[in-house]
Amino acid sequence: MDTLDKEIVDDKLTQADLIKLMLHNAQHMATRDEVKADITKTEANLRSEISKVEKNLKADISKVDAKLSKVETNLRSEISKVDTNLRAEISKVDTNLRAEISKVETNLRADISKVDAKLSKVETNLRSEISKVDAKFDRIQWLIVATILTILLKDYVFSLLG
């Protein structure tokens, strides 16, 4: 039997060979109690390993939670610092812009005053020129009236004389 190839099933096996084969297989078989004991032992080992893994996972989760909490606290602190710095910077920019606007307004008012003064001078000069033109026009009108009267009187005097 020892020389038999396990792969080959032969129809010519004798009853003795079959019994030897069955006895050989029986030696490797376990009893029900042995199998139950192995299952129970394996179950206990698995439960113990699962419990260890759960404890390790819970510990790891606690560590990760603590790290996340620390990171969150640090981030909140950094955000608060950035927010404070931004507010201060915005306030500076606002103050500078208001000061610049005030300077521009002051300069514009001064420029407007200069323009008003120049316009006032121009208006005064124009009024003076208009007065001069009006006076010349009045004189020219009187000259025209005097000339017409002179012509009329001359014609009247000549018609009386002649």
Protein backbone atom coordinates (compact mmCIF):
# COMPACT_ATOMS: atom_id res chain seq x y z
CA MET A 1 0.00 0.00 0.00
CA ASP A 2 2.90 2.35 0.69
CA THR A 3 3.89 2.20 -2.91
CA LEU A 4 0.46 3.06 -4.22
CA ASP A 5 0.11 6.36 -6.06
CA LYS A 6 -2.55 8.41 -4.30
CA GLU A 7 -3.65 9.95 -7.56
CA ILE A 8 -4.49 6.67 -9.17
CA VAL A 9 -7.64 4.87 -8.11
CA ASP A 10 -7.35 1.22 -8.96
CA ASP A 11 -10.30 -1.14 -9.26
CA LYS A 12 -8.07 -4.02 -8.27
CA LEU A 13 -7.65 -2.99 -4.62
CA THR A 14 -8.29 -5.81 -2.30
CA GLN A 15 -10.47 -5.67 0.74
CA ALA A 16 -7.35 -5.71 2.93
CA ASP A 17 -5.95 -2.74 1.03
CA LEU A 18 -9.19 -0.83 1.52
CA ILE A 19 -9.18 -1.59 5.26
CA LYS A 20 -5.57 -0.43 5.57
CA LEU A 21 -6.49 2.72 3.73
CA MET A 22 -9.48 3.38 5.98
CA LEU A 23 -7.41 2.74 9.12
CA HIS A 24 -4.75 5.09 7.84
CA ASN A 25 -7.39 7.81 7.22
CA ALA A 26 -9.00 7.16 10.61
CA GLN A 27 -5.68 7.87 12.32
CA HIS A 28 -5.81 11.38 10.87
CA MET A 29 -9.43 12.03 11.79
CA ALA A 30 -10.41 13.83 14.96
CA THR A 31 -13.25 13.00 17.25
CA ARG A 32 -16.28 15.23 17.66
CA ASP A 33 -15.15 16.30 21.10
CA GLU A 34 -11.72 17.18 19.76
CA VAL A 35 -13.27 19.24 16.97
CA LYS A 36 -15.65 20.99 19.42
CA ALA A 37 -12.74 21.70 21.75
CA ASP A 38 -10.70 23.08 18.85
CA ILE A 39 -13.64 25.26 17.76
CA THR A 40 -14.17 26.51 21.32
CA LYS A 41 -10.47 27.21 21.70
CA THR A 42 -10.36 28.99 18.32
CA GLU A 43 -13.46 31.01 19.25
CA ALA A 44 -11.90 32.04 22.56
CA ASN A 45 -8.66 32.99 20.80
CA LEU A 46 -10.58 34.96 18.18
CA ARG A 47 -12.67 36.75 20.82
CA SER A 48 -9.52 37.59 22.75
CA GLU A 49 -7.83 38.90 19.59
CA ILE A 50 -10.96 40.88 18.62
CA SER A 51 -11.06 42.37 22.13
CA LYS A 52 -7.38 43.34 21.87
CA VAL A 53 -7.94 44.88 18.43
CA GLU A 54 -10.99 46.79 19.72
CA LYS A 55 -9.01 48.11 22.71
CA ASN A 56 -6.14 49.12 20.41
CA LEU A 57 -8.56 50.78 17.98
CA LYS A 58 -10.30 52.65 20.81
CA ALA A 59 -6.93 53.82 22.11
CA ASP A 60 -5.87 54.84 18.60
CA ILE A 61 -9.18 56.65 18.06
CA SER A 62 -8.76 58.48 21.38
CA LYS A 63 -5.24 59.51 20.35
CA VAL A 64 -6.46 60.69 16.95
CA ASP A 65 -9.35 62.57 18.60
CA ALA A 66 -6.92 64.26 20.99
CA LYS A 67 -4.62 65.20 18.11
CA LEU A 68 -7.56 66.50 16.07
CA SER A 69 -8.78 68.52 19.03
CA LYS A 70 -5.32 70.00 19.48
CA VAL A 71 -5.07 70.79 15.76
CA GLU A 72 -8.55 72.35 15.83
CA THR A 73 -7.59 74.49 18.84
CA ASN A 74 -4.39 75.59 17.12
CA LEU A 75 -6.23 76.36 13.90
CA ARG A 76 -8.87 78.38 15.76
CA SER A 77 -6.11 80.30 17.53
CA GLU A 78 -4.32 80.96 14.22
CA ILE A 79 -7.58 82.03 12.57
CA SER A 80 -8.24 84.38 15.47
CA LYS A 81 -4.75 85.89 15.12
CA VAL A 82 -5.18 86.29 11.37
CA ASP A 83 -8.62 87.83 11.91
CA THR A 84 -7.22 90.28 14.48
CA ASN A 85 -4.33 91.17 12.17
CA LEU A 86 -6.67 91.63 9.22
CA ARG A 87 -8.98 93.85 11.25
CA ALA A 88 -6.02 95.98 12.37
CA GLU A 89 -4.75 96.19 8.78
CA ILE A 90 -8.20 97.10 7.49
CA SER A 91 -8.45 99.79 10.16
CA LYS A 92 -5.06 101.20 9.12
CA VAL A 93 -6.02 101.21 5.47
CA ASP A 94 -9.36 102.83 6.32
CA THR A 95 -7.64 105.54 8.38
CA ASN A 96 -5.08 106.17 5.64
CA LEU A 97 -7.76 106.32 2.96
CA ARG A 98 -9.88 108.71 5.01
CA ALA A 99 -6.84 110.95 5.58
CA GLU A 100 -6.02 110.82 1.85
CA ILE A 101 -9.63 111.63 0.95
CA SER A 102 -9.57 114.54 3.39
CA LYS A 103 -6.36 115.86 1.76
CA VAL A 104 -7.87 115.52 -1.70
CA GLU A 105 -11.05 117.30 -0.57
CA THR A 106 -8.99 120.11 0.97
CA ASN A 107 -6.94 120.44 -2.21
CA LEU A 108 -10.10 120.41 -4.32
CA ARG A 109 -11.69 123.11 -2.15
CA ALA A 110 -8.54 125.22 -2.51
CA ASP A 111 -8.54 124.68 -6.29
CA ILE A 112 -12.25 125.52 -6.45
CA SER A 113 -11.61 128.71 -4.44
CA LYS A 114 -8.84 129.66 -6.89
CA VAL A 115 -11.14 129.00 -9.84
CA ASP A 116 -13.92 131.01 -8.14
CA ALA A 117 -11.49 133.89 -7.59
CA LYS A 118 -10.39 133.76 -11.23
CA LEU A 119 -14.00 133.59 -12.38
CA SER A 120 -14.84 136.53 -10.15
CA LYS A 121 -11.94 138.52 -11.70
CA VAL A 122 -13.05 137.55 -15.18
CA GLU A 123 -16.64 138.50 -14.30
CA THR A 124 -15.47 141.86 -12.91
CA ASN A 125 -13.37 142.48 -16.02
CA LEU A 126 -16.24 141.48 -18.28
CA ARG A 127 -18.66 143.73 -16.38
CA SER A 128 -16.15 146.59 -16.73
CA GLU A 129 -15.79 145.89 -20.45
CA ILE A 130 -19.56 145.67 -20.82
CA SER A 131 -19.92 148.99 -18.98
CA LYS A 132 -17.37 150.56 -21.30
CA VAL A 133 -19.19 149.16 -24.34
CA ASP A 134 -22.53 150.36 -22.92
CA ALA A 135 -21.06 153.83 -22.34
CA LYS A 136 -19.67 153.91 -25.91
CA PHE A 137 -23.00 152.69 -27.22
CA ASP A 138 -24.81 155.42 -25.25
CA ARG A 139 -22.42 158.03 -26.65
CA ILE A 140 -22.85 156.66 -30.16
CA GLN A 141 -26.63 156.71 -29.75
CA TRP A 142 -26.50 160.31 -28.58
CA LEU A 143 -24.20 161.16 -31.46
CA ILE A 144 -26.63 159.52 -33.87
CA VAL A 145 -29.56 161.36 -32.26
CA ALA A 146 -27.57 164.63 -32.31
CA THR A 147 -26.60 164.05 -35.94
CA ILE A 148 -30.21 163.35 -36.93
CA LEU A 149 -31.38 166.42 -35.02
CA THR A 150 -28.69 168.52 -36.61
CA ILE A 151 -29.75 167.33 -40.08
CA LEU A 152 -33.40 167.92 -39.29
CA LEU A 153 -32.72 171.36 -37.84
CA LYS A 154 -30.47 172.24 -40.74
CA ASP A 155 -33.18 171.20 -43.22
CA TYR A 156 -35.78 173.07 -41.20
CA VAL A 157 -33.64 176.16 -41.01
CA PHE A 158 -32.91 176.02 -44.72
CA SER A 159 -36.56 175.52 -45.50
CA LEU A 160 -37.40 178.59 -43.43
CA LEU A 161 -34.69 180.64 -45.08
CA GLY A 162 -35.24 179.68 -48.38
